Amino acid sequence: MSKVISADGTSIAYTRAGQGPPVILVDGAMSYRGQSINTDLATALAASFTVYTYDRRGRGESGDTRPFAPEREIEDLAALVAEAGEVRLYGTSSGAAVALAAVESGLPVEKLALYEPPFIVDDSRPPIPDDYERRLDEMVAEGRSADAVRYFMRKGVGLPAVVVALMRFMPAWSTIKAVAHTLPYDAAFVTPYERGTPYPASSWSSVKVPTLVMDGGKSQAWIRNAARSLAELLPNAEHRTLEGQTHIVKPAALAPVLEGFFR
């Protein structure tokens, strides 16, 4: 494990593995090194690339300087890019939204790959509530970690109530609750595009690097529709569906696709 220092002085922990062109993997909500679907993906890609996985601020062994602003997460990525060189960037779920915003800000990236950013751009599922961010902030501020996770899973992810109720019996429940305070960080990147309306035409118009937008063939319609629409919107993007995959994409299905795109 190594660390870089972000612009506001926050230490960002990362791990580097493999050899070849640098690739940075950006986790989604409540995930971090060792607690992420990107862990096995990093191992699979390390045969062809130098792969960087890192703890987004507030998670794992990274710091969490307050107050938070979305720009801080972009600065964290910029510090890692400065360490790695011009990179290929992959983001999953809300991590895809972070990666997209970072490239829009001018981060020097060779290629960009995104898997199912959790945007809602039509009526195929209910949009998030108007007060979603406010309520999430309140729960976190009051130390109601379990409530914040349940609210995120129910209203943000859209899981059925019975599934959310059973989550407290999962072995990873305590681990998830421990990083519930970072849920507003993810919300800052995704909620503007979870209102059930099409993307504004000017969105991400400066993201001109080659971009691959992916979804899973078994994922829900709303998130697949959002991925397809995003690929159509970006100036230099292609869309691909990974058949048989869900939002929790299997590294064995994803790694060959990324390897071919990133070469």
C-alpha atoms as a PDB file:
ATOM      1  CA  MET A   1       0.000   0.000   0.000  1.00  0.00           C
ATOM      2  CA  SER A   2       1.218   3.497  -0.910  1.00  0.00           C
ATOM      3  CA  LYS A   3      -0.243   6.970  -0.526  1.00  0.00           C
ATOM      4  CA  VAL A   4      -0.493  10.177  -2.519  1.00  0.00           C
ATOM      5  CA  ILE A   5      -1.451  13.550  -1.093  1.00  0.00           C
ATOM      6  CA  SER A   6      -4.441  15.314  -2.610  1.00  0.00           C
ATOM      7  CA  ALA A   7      -4.606  19.068  -3.150  1.00  0.00           C
ATOM      8  CA  ASP A   8      -6.297  19.698   0.212  1.00  0.00           C
ATOM      9  CA  GLY A   9      -3.730  17.605   2.089  1.00  0.00           C
ATOM     10  CA  THR A  10      -5.811  14.437   2.313  1.00  0.00           C
ATOM     11  CA  SER A  11      -3.845  11.192   2.074  1.00  0.00           C
ATOM     12  CA  ILE A  12      -5.212   8.775  -0.515  1.00  0.00           C
ATOM     13  CA  ALA A  13      -4.221   5.124  -0.127  1.00  0.00           C
ATOM     14  CA  TYR A  14      -3.628   3.025  -3.214  1.00  0.00           C
ATOM     15  CA  THR A  15      -2.221  -0.285  -4.384  1.00  0.00           C
ATOM     16  CA  ARG A  16      -0.320  -0.854  -7.616  1.00  0.00           C
ATOM     17  CA  ALA A  17      -0.032  -4.227  -9.334  1.00  0.00           C
ATOM     18  CA  GLY A  18       1.140  -5.564 -12.683  1.00  0.00           C
ATOM     19  CA  GLN A  19       3.160  -4.083 -15.496  1.00  0.00           C
ATOM     20  CA  GLY A  20       2.189  -2.169 -18.610  1.00  0.00           C
ATOM     21  CA  PRO A  21       0.141   0.944 -19.406  1.00  0.00           C
ATOM     22  CA  PRO A  22      -1.423   2.420 -16.242  1.00  0.00           C
ATOM     23  CA  VAL A  23      -5.094   1.810 -15.479  1.00  0.00           C
ATOM     24  CA  ILE A  24      -6.961   3.329 -12.529  1.00  0.00           C
ATOM     25  CA  LEU A  25     -10.115   1.654 -11.212  1.00  0.00           C
ATOM     26  CA  VAL A  26     -12.735   3.833  -9.508  1.00  0.00           C
ATOM     27  CA  ASP A  27     -15.097   2.116  -7.076  1.00  0.00           C
ATOM     28  CA  GLY A  28     -18.782   2.788  -6.597  1.00  0.00           C
ATOM     29  CA  ALA A  29     -20.648   3.558  -3.380  1.00  0.00           C
ATOM     30  CA  MET A  30     -19.343   2.075  -0.115  1.00  0.00           C
ATOM     31  CA  SER A  31     -16.608   0.085  -1.881  1.00  0.00           C
ATOM     32  CA  TYR A  32     -12.872   0.334  -1.336  1.00  0.00           C
ATOM     33  CA  ARG A  33      -9.731  -1.773  -1.676  1.00  0.00           C
ATOM     34  CA  GLY A  34     -10.358  -5.247  -0.322  1.00  0.00           C
ATOM     35  CA  GLN A  35     -14.122  -4.621  -0.202  1.00  0.00           C
ATOM     36  CA  SER A  36     -14.788  -4.167  -3.890  1.00  0.00           C
ATOM     37  CA  ILE A  37     -15.775  -6.038  -7.016  1.00  0.00           C
ATOM     38  CA  ASN A  38     -12.776  -4.295  -8.570  1.00  0.00           C
ATOM     39  CA  THR A  39     -10.347  -6.358  -6.467  1.00  0.00           C
ATOM     40  CA  ASP A  40     -10.558  -9.440  -8.687  1.00  0.00           C
ATOM     41  CA  LEU A  41     -10.754  -7.233 -11.770  1.00  0.00           C
ATOM     42  CA  ALA A  42      -7.433  -5.654 -10.843  1.00  0.00           C
ATOM     43  CA  THR A  43      -5.847  -9.099 -10.581  1.00  0.00           C
ATOM     44  CA  ALA A  44      -7.188 -10.071 -13.994  1.00  0.00           C
ATOM     45  CA  LEU A  45      -5.934  -6.880 -15.660  1.00  0.00           C
ATOM     46  CA  ALA A  46      -2.512  -6.951 -13.995  1.00  0.00           C
ATOM     47  CA  ALA A  47      -1.245  -9.393 -16.612  1.00  0.00           C
ATOM     48  CA  SER A  48      -1.366  -6.607 -19.206  1.00  0.00           C
ATOM     49  CA  PHE A  49      -1.478  -3.318 -17.287  1.00  0.00           C
ATOM     50  CA  THR A  50      -0.164  -1.534 -14.238  1.00  0.00           C
ATOM     51  CA  VAL A  51      -3.391  -1.402 -12.260  1.00  0.00           C
ATOM     52  CA  TYR A  52      -4.091   1.151  -9.539  1.00  0.00           C
ATOM     53  CA  THR A  53      -6.860   0.574  -7.031  1.00  0.00           C
ATOM     54  CA  TYR A  54      -7.445   3.191  -4.363  1.00  0.00           C
ATOM     55  CA  ASP A  55      -9.600   4.037  -1.389  1.00  0.00           C
ATOM     56  CA  ARG A  56     -11.831   6.952  -2.226  1.00  0.00           C
ATOM     57  CA  ARG A  57     -11.714   9.562   0.533  1.00  0.00           C
ATOM     58  CA  GLY A  58     -13.418   8.591   3.754  1.00  0.00           C
ATOM     59  CA  ARG A  59     -12.936   4.884   3.084  1.00  0.00           C
ATOM     60  CA  GLY A  60     -10.370   2.262   4.009  1.00  0.00           C
ATOM     61  CA  GLU A  61      -6.984   3.820   4.688  1.00  0.00           C
ATOM     62  CA  SER A  62      -7.611   7.167   2.982  1.00  0.00           C
ATOM     63  CA  GLY A  63      -8.226  10.380   4.883  1.00  0.00           C
ATOM     64  CA  ASP A  64     -11.394  12.448   4.892  1.00  0.00           C
ATOM     65  CA  THR A  65     -10.677  16.162   5.210  1.00  0.00           C
ATOM     66  CA  ARG A  66     -13.829  18.236   5.678  1.00  0.00           C
ATOM     67  CA  PRO A  67     -15.796  19.940   4.333  1.00  0.00           C
ATOM     68  CA  PHE A  68     -16.506  17.705   1.374  1.00  0.00           C
ATOM     69  CA  ALA A  69     -17.073  18.992  -2.151  1.00  0.00           C
ATOM     70  CA  PRO A  70     -17.160  17.001  -5.410  1.00  0.00           C
ATOM     71  CA  GLU A  71     -14.015  18.826  -6.530  1.00  0.00           C
ATOM     72  CA  ARG A  72     -12.080  17.110  -3.740  1.00  0.00           C
ATOM     73  CA  GLU A  73     -12.720  13.663  -5.235  1.00  0.00           C
ATOM     74  CA  ILE A  74     -11.548  14.911  -8.622  1.00  0.00           C
ATOM     75  CA  GLU A  75      -8.400  16.278  -6.991  1.00  0.00           C
ATOM     76  CA  ASP A  76      -7.835  12.878  -5.378  1.00  0.00           C
ATOM     77  CA  LEU A  77      -7.915  11.247  -8.804  1.00  0.00           C
ATOM     78  CA  ALA A  78      -5.660  13.981 -10.195  1.00  0.00           C
ATOM     79  CA  ALA A  79      -3.058  13.214  -7.519  1.00  0.00           C
ATOM     80  CA  LEU A  80      -3.157   9.543  -8.482  1.00  0.00           C
ATOM     81  CA  VAL A  81      -2.886  10.354 -12.181  1.00  0.00           C
ATOM     82  CA  ALA A  82       0.143  12.529 -11.436  1.00  0.00           C
ATOM     83  CA  GLU A  83       1.712   9.492  -9.789  1.00  0.00           C
ATOM     84  CA  ALA A  84       0.763   7.019 -12.527  1.00  0.00           C
ATOM     85  CA  GLY A  85       1.111   9.095 -15.708  1.00  0.00           C
ATOM     86  CA  GLU A  86      -1.442   9.404 -18.498  1.00  0.00           C
ATOM     87  CA  VAL A  87      -3.859   6.633 -17.721  1.00  0.00           C
ATOM     88  CA  ARG A  88      -6.773   4.577 -18.822  1.00  0.00           C
ATOM     89  CA  LEU A  89      -9.635   5.153 -16.407  1.00  0.00           C
ATOM     90  CA  TYR A  90     -12.419   2.723 -15.475  1.00  0.00           C
ATOM     91  CA  GLY A  91     -15.351   3.541 -13.200  1.00  0.00           C
ATOM     92  CA  THR A  92     -18.209   1.358 -12.062  1.00  0.00           C
ATOM     93  CA  SER A  93     -21.634   2.502 -10.819  1.00  0.00           C
ATOM     94  CA  SER A  94     -21.277   5.873  -9.044  1.00  0.00           C
ATOM     95  CA  GLY A  95     -17.531   5.529  -9.614  1.00  0.00           C
ATOM     96  CA  ALA A  96     -18.344   5.844 -13.311  1.00  0.00           C
ATOM     97  CA  ALA A  97     -19.963   9.207 -12.566  1.00  0.00           C
ATOM     98  CA  VAL A  98     -16.833  10.276 -10.656  1.00  0.00           C
ATOM     99  CA  ALA A  99     -14.586   9.198 -13.518  1.00  0.00           C
ATOM    100  CA  LEU A 100     -16.770  11.013 -16.044  1.00  0.00           C
ATOM    101  CA  ALA A 101     -16.695  14.230 -14.008  1.00  0.00           C
ATOM    102  CA  ALA A 102     -12.924  13.974 -13.606  1.00  0.00           C
ATOM    103  CA  VAL A 103     -12.371  13.714 -17.349  1.00  0.00           C
ATOM    104  CA  GLU A 104     -14.804  16.573 -17.914  1.00  0.00           C
ATOM    105  CA  SER A 105     -12.658  18.677 -15.561  1.00  0.00           C
ATOM    106  CA  GLY A 106      -9.637  18.170 -17.825  1.00  0.00           C
ATOM    107  CA  LEU A 107      -7.924  15.213 -16.175  1.00  0.00           C
ATOM    108  CA  PRO A 108      -5.406  13.818 -18.703  1.00  0.00           C
ATOM    109  CA  VAL A 109      -6.844  10.416 -19.578  1.00  0.00           C
ATOM    110  CA  GLU A 110      -5.995   8.250 -22.569  1.00  0.00           C
ATOM    111  CA  LYS A 111      -9.244   6.262 -22.608  1.00  0.00           C
ATOM    112  CA  LEU A 112     -12.344   6.089 -20.425  1.00  0.00           C
ATOM    113  CA  ALA A 113     -14.499   3.043 -19.653  1.00  0.00           C
ATOM    114  CA  LEU A 114     -17.750   3.224 -17.696  1.00  0.00           C
ATOM    115  CA  TYR A 115     -19.974   0.449 -16.371  1.00  0.00           C
ATOM    116  CA  GLU A 116     -23.580   1.269 -15.514  1.00  0.00           C
ATOM    117  CA  PRO A 117     -23.483   4.765 -14.043  1.00  0.00           C
ATOM    118  CA  PRO A 118     -26.710   4.798 -11.976  1.00  0.00           C
ATOM    119  CA  PHE A 119     -28.482   7.566 -13.845  1.00  0.00           C
ATOM    120  CA  ILE A 120     -32.267   7.659 -14.377  1.00  0.00           C
ATOM    121  CA  VAL A 121     -33.157   9.297 -17.671  1.00  0.00           C
ATOM    122  CA  ASP A 122     -36.678   8.047 -18.407  1.00  0.00           C
ATOM    123  CA  ASP A 123     -39.797   6.703 -16.699  1.00  0.00           C
ATOM    124  CA  SER A 124     -38.665   3.066 -16.529  1.00  0.00           C
ATOM    125  CA  ARG A 125     -38.282   3.482 -12.753  1.00  0.00           C
ATOM    126  CA  PRO A 126     -39.260   6.186 -10.275  1.00  0.00           C
ATOM    127  CA  PRO A 127     -36.774   9.053  -9.975  1.00  0.00           C
ATOM    128  CA  ILE A 128     -35.108   9.780  -6.655  1.00  0.00           C
ATOM    129  CA  PRO A 129     -37.181  11.890  -4.224  1.00  0.00           C
ATOM    130  CA  ASP A 130     -36.750  15.662  -4.445  1.00  0.00           C
ATOM    131  CA  ASP A 131     -35.362  15.735  -0.901  1.00  0.00           C
ATOM    132  CA  TYR A 132     -33.081  12.698  -1.368  1.00  0.00           C
ATOM    133  CA  GLU A 133     -29.771  14.474  -0.736  1.00  0.00           C
ATOM    134  CA  ARG A 134     -31.118  16.460   2.212  1.00  0.00           C
ATOM    135  CA  ARG A 135     -32.465  13.392   3.964  1.00  0.00           C
ATOM    136  CA  LEU A 136     -29.289  11.433   3.324  1.00  0.00           C
ATOM    137  CA  ASP A 137     -27.211  14.295   4.728  1.00  0.00           C
ATOM    138  CA  GLU A 138     -29.415  14.455   7.826  1.00  0.00           C
ATOM    139  CA  MET A 139     -29.085  10.739   8.548  1.00  0.00           C
ATOM    140  CA  VAL A 140     -25.316  10.881   8.189  1.00  0.00           C
ATOM    141  CA  ALA A 141     -25.043  14.017  10.347  1.00  0.00           C
ATOM    142  CA  GLU A 142     -27.120  12.337  13.075  1.00  0.00           C
ATOM    143  CA  GLY A 143     -24.949   9.209  13.022  1.00  0.00           C
ATOM    144  CA  ARG A 144     -27.794   7.034  11.702  1.00  0.00           C
ATOM    145  CA  SER A 145     -25.573   4.884   9.506  1.00  0.00           C
ATOM    146  CA  ALA A 146     -27.955   1.953   9.181  1.00  0.00           C
ATOM    147  CA  ASP A 147     -30.829   4.260   8.221  1.00  0.00           C
ATOM    148  CA  ALA A 148     -28.640   6.004   5.641  1.00  0.00           C
ATOM    149  CA  VAL A 149     -27.670   2.706   4.012  1.00  0.00           C
ATOM    150  CA  ARG A 150     -31.269   1.502   3.943  1.00  0.00           C
ATOM    151  CA  TYR A 151     -32.479   4.796   2.494  1.00  0.00           C
ATOM    152  CA  PHE A 152     -29.777   4.705  -0.184  1.00  0.00           C
ATOM    153  CA  MET A 153     -30.588   1.117  -1.111  1.00  0.00           C
ATOM    154  CA  ARG A 154     -34.342   1.720  -1.186  1.00  0.00           C
ATOM    155  CA  LYS A 155     -34.618   5.151  -2.814  1.00  0.00           C
ATOM    156  CA  GLY A 156     -31.263   5.465  -4.569  1.00  0.00           C
ATOM    157  CA  VAL A 157     -30.652   1.935  -5.849  1.00  0.00           C
ATOM    158  CA  GLY A 158     -34.337   1.050  -6.005  1.00  0.00           C
ATOM    159  CA  LEU A 159     -34.158  -2.325  -4.241  1.00  0.00           C
ATOM    160  CA  PRO A 160     -37.408  -3.864  -2.960  1.00  0.00           C
ATOM    161  CA  ALA A 161     -38.209  -3.136   0.684  1.00  0.00           C
ATOM    162  CA  VAL A 162     -37.979  -6.805   1.687  1.00  0.00           C
ATOM    163  CA  VAL A 163     -34.467  -7.092   0.240  1.00  0.00           C
ATOM    164  CA  VAL A 164     -33.329  -3.976   2.082  1.00  0.00           C
ATOM    165  CA  ALA A 165     -34.836  -5.268   5.347  1.00  0.00           C
ATOM    166  CA  LEU A 166     -32.813  -8.479   5.062  1.00  0.00           C
ATOM    167  CA  MET A 167     -29.517  -6.693   4.448  1.00  0.00           C
ATOM    168  CA  ARG A 168     -28.780  -6.337   8.164  1.00  0.00           C
ATOM    169  CA  PHE A 169     -28.270 -10.109   8.294  1.00  0.00           C
ATOM    170  CA  MET A 170     -25.514  -9.997   5.654  1.00  0.00           C
ATOM    171  CA  PRO A 171     -21.951 -10.694   6.880  1.00  0.00           C
ATOM    172  CA  ALA A 172     -20.795  -7.419   5.281  1.00  0.00           C
ATOM    173  CA  TRP A 173     -23.446  -5.276   6.993  1.00  0.00           C
ATOM    174  CA  SER A 174     -21.076  -3.797   9.594  1.00  0.00           C
ATOM    175  CA  THR A 175     -18.502  -3.037   6.906  1.00  0.00           C
ATOM    176  CA  ILE A 176     -21.095  -1.265   4.795  1.00  0.00           C
ATOM    177  CA  LYS A 177     -22.358   0.802   7.725  1.00  0.00           C
ATOM    178  CA  ALA A 178     -18.800   1.893   8.519  1.00  0.00           C
ATOM    179  CA  VAL A 179     -18.594   3.883   5.283  1.00  0.00           C
ATOM    180  CA  ALA A 180     -22.201   5.124   5.205  1.00  0.00           C
ATOM    181  CA  HIS A 181     -20.917   8.645   5.854  1.00  0.00           C
ATOM    182  CA  THR A 182     -19.541   8.687   2.277  1.00  0.00           C
ATOM    183  CA  LEU A 183     -22.941   8.132   0.636  1.00  0.00           C
ATOM    184  CA  PRO A 184     -23.466  11.892   0.184  1.00  0.00           C
ATOM    185  CA  TYR A 185     -20.150  11.963  -1.711  1.00  0.00           C
ATOM    186  CA  ASP A 186     -21.583   9.596  -4.319  1.00  0.00           C
ATOM    187  CA  ALA A 187     -24.900  11.419  -4.330  1.00  0.00           C
ATOM    188  CA  ALA A 188     -23.150  14.645  -5.307  1.00  0.00           C
ATOM    189  CA  PHE A 189     -22.079  13.057  -8.598  1.00  0.00           C
ATOM    190  CA  VAL A 190     -25.206  11.138  -9.538  1.00  0.00           C
ATOM    191  CA  THR A 191     -28.337  12.886  -8.241  1.00  0.00           C
ATOM    192  CA  PRO A 192     -28.392  15.618 -10.929  1.00  0.00           C
ATOM    193  CA  TYR A 193     -28.974  12.801 -13.435  1.00  0.00           C
ATOM    194  CA  GLU A 194     -31.463  10.720 -11.442  1.00  0.00           C
ATOM    195  CA  ARG A 195     -34.546  12.850 -12.037  1.00  0.00           C
ATOM    196  CA  GLY A 196     -36.142  10.697 -14.732  1.00  0.00           C
ATOM    197  CA  THR A 197     -35.447  13.207 -17.509  1.00  0.00           C
ATOM    198  CA  PRO A 198     -33.068  12.979 -20.495  1.00  0.00           C
ATOM    199  CA  TYR A 199     -29.531  14.256 -20.143  1.00  0.00           C
ATOM    200  CA  PRO A 200     -29.170  17.939 -20.980  1.00  0.00           C
ATOM    201  CA  ALA A 201     -27.751  18.156 -24.498  1.00  0.00           C
ATOM    202  CA  SER A 202     -24.612  19.947 -23.323  1.00  0.00           C
ATOM    203  CA  SER A 203     -23.708  17.375 -20.652  1.00  0.00           C
ATOM    204  CA  TRP A 204     -20.068  16.230 -20.758  1.00  0.00           C
ATOM    205  CA  SER A 205     -19.542  17.806 -24.193  1.00  0.00           C
ATOM    206  CA  SER A 206     -15.844  18.259 -23.397  1.00  0.00           C
ATOM    207  CA  VAL A 207     -15.320  14.515 -22.805  1.00  0.00           C
ATOM    208  CA  LYS A 208     -13.817  13.716 -26.194  1.00  0.00           C
ATOM    209  CA  VAL A 209     -11.468  10.871 -25.285  1.00  0.00           C
ATOM    210  CA  PRO A 210     -12.382   7.421 -26.615  1.00  0.00           C
ATOM    211  CA  THR A 211     -15.031   6.138 -24.231  1.00  0.00           C
ATOM    212  CA  LEU A 212     -16.656   2.752 -23.757  1.00  0.00           C
ATOM    213  CA  VAL A 213     -20.028   2.718 -21.962  1.00  0.00           C
ATOM    214  CA  MET A 214     -21.158  -0.736 -20.831  1.00  0.00           C
ATOM    215  CA  ASP A 215     -24.170  -2.367 -19.254  1.00  0.00           C
ATOM    216  CA  GLY A 216     -25.180  -5.886 -18.304  1.00  0.00           C
ATOM    217  CA  GLY A 217     -27.668  -7.872 -20.337  1.00  0.00           C
ATOM    218  CA  LYS A 218     -29.464  -8.964 -17.154  1.00  0.00           C
ATOM    219  CA  SER A 219     -29.488  -5.519 -15.535  1.00  0.00           C
ATOM    220  CA  GLN A 220     -32.685  -3.553 -15.062  1.00  0.00           C
ATOM    221  CA  ALA A 221     -34.045  -1.549 -17.965  1.00  0.00           C
ATOM    222  CA  TRP A 222     -33.581   1.872 -16.342  1.00  0.00           C
ATOM    223  CA  ILE A 223     -29.849   1.549 -15.889  1.00  0.00           C
ATOM    224  CA  ARG A 224     -29.358  -0.014 -19.319  1.00  0.00           C
ATOM    225  CA  ASN A 225     -31.344   2.799 -20.925  1.00  0.00           C
ATOM    226  CA  ALA A 226     -29.160   5.338 -19.133  1.00  0.00           C
ATOM    227  CA  ALA A 227     -25.965   3.666 -20.366  1.00  0.00           C
ATOM    228  CA  ARG A 228     -27.169   3.541 -23.952  1.00  0.00           C
ATOM    229  CA  SER A 229     -28.279   7.171 -23.868  1.00  0.00           C
ATOM    230  CA  LEU A 230     -24.959   8.233 -22.393  1.00  0.00           C
ATOM    231  CA  ALA A 231     -23.028   6.543 -25.171  1.00  0.00           C
ATOM    232  CA  GLU A 232     -25.196   8.333 -27.721  1.00  0.00           C
ATOM    233  CA  LEU A 233     -24.591  11.670 -25.998  1.00  0.00           C
ATOM    234  CA  LEU A 234     -20.807  11.582 -25.573  1.00  0.00           C
ATOM    235  CA  PRO A 235     -18.821  12.864 -28.565  1.00  0.00           C
ATOM    236  CA  ASN A 236     -16.513   9.844 -28.945  1.00  0.00           C
ATOM    237  CA  ALA A 237     -18.232   6.895 -27.275  1.00  0.00           C
ATOM    238  CA  GLU A 238     -19.361   3.392 -28.080  1.00  0.00           C
ATOM    239  CA  HIS A 239     -21.861   1.220 -26.243  1.00  0.00           C
ATOM    240  CA  ARG A 240     -21.547  -2.440 -25.401  1.00  0.00           C
ATOM    241  CA  THR A 241     -23.780  -4.858 -23.524  1.00  0.00           C
ATOM    242  CA  LEU A 242     -22.121  -7.679 -21.585  1.00  0.00           C
ATOM    243  CA  GLU A 243     -24.563 -10.524 -21.999  1.00  0.00           C
ATOM    244  CA  GLY A 244     -25.481 -12.437 -18.867  1.00  0.00           C
ATOM    245  CA  GLN A 245     -24.158  -9.734 -16.537  1.00  0.00           C
ATOM    246  CA  THR A 246     -25.882  -7.669 -13.860  1.00  0.00           C
ATOM    247  CA  HIS A 247     -24.842  -4.515 -12.012  1.00  0.00           C
ATOM    248  CA  ILE A 248     -22.393  -6.712 -10.076  1.00  0.00           C
ATOM    249  CA  VAL A 249     -20.392  -7.535 -13.175  1.00  0.00           C
ATOM    250  CA  LYS A 250     -18.096 -10.548 -13.092  1.00  0.00           C
ATOM    251  CA  PRO A 251     -14.395  -9.795 -13.678  1.00  0.00           C
ATOM    252  CA  ALA A 252     -14.113 -12.796 -16.005  1.00  0.00           C
ATOM    253  CA  ALA A 253     -16.652 -11.164 -18.339  1.00  0.00           C
ATOM    254  CA  LEU A 254     -15.388  -7.607 -17.986  1.00  0.00           C
ATOM    255  CA  ALA A 255     -11.587  -7.980 -18.019  1.00  0.00           C
ATOM    256  CA  PRO A 256     -11.264  -9.168 -21.667  1.00  0.00           C
ATOM    257  CA  VAL A 257     -13.457  -6.282 -22.847  1.00  0.00           C
ATOM    258  CA  LEU A 258     -11.398  -3.700 -20.962  1.00  0.00           C
ATOM    259  CA  GLU A 259      -8.153  -5.270 -22.121  1.00  0.00           C
ATOM    260  CA  GLY A 260      -9.205  -5.007 -25.753  1.00  0.00           C
ATOM    261  CA  PHE A 261     -10.455  -1.426 -25.380  1.00  0.00           C
ATOM    262  CA  PHE A 262      -7.514  -0.137 -23.344  1.00  0.00           C
ATOM    263  CA  ARG A 263      -4.776  -1.504 -25.632  1.00  0.00           C
END
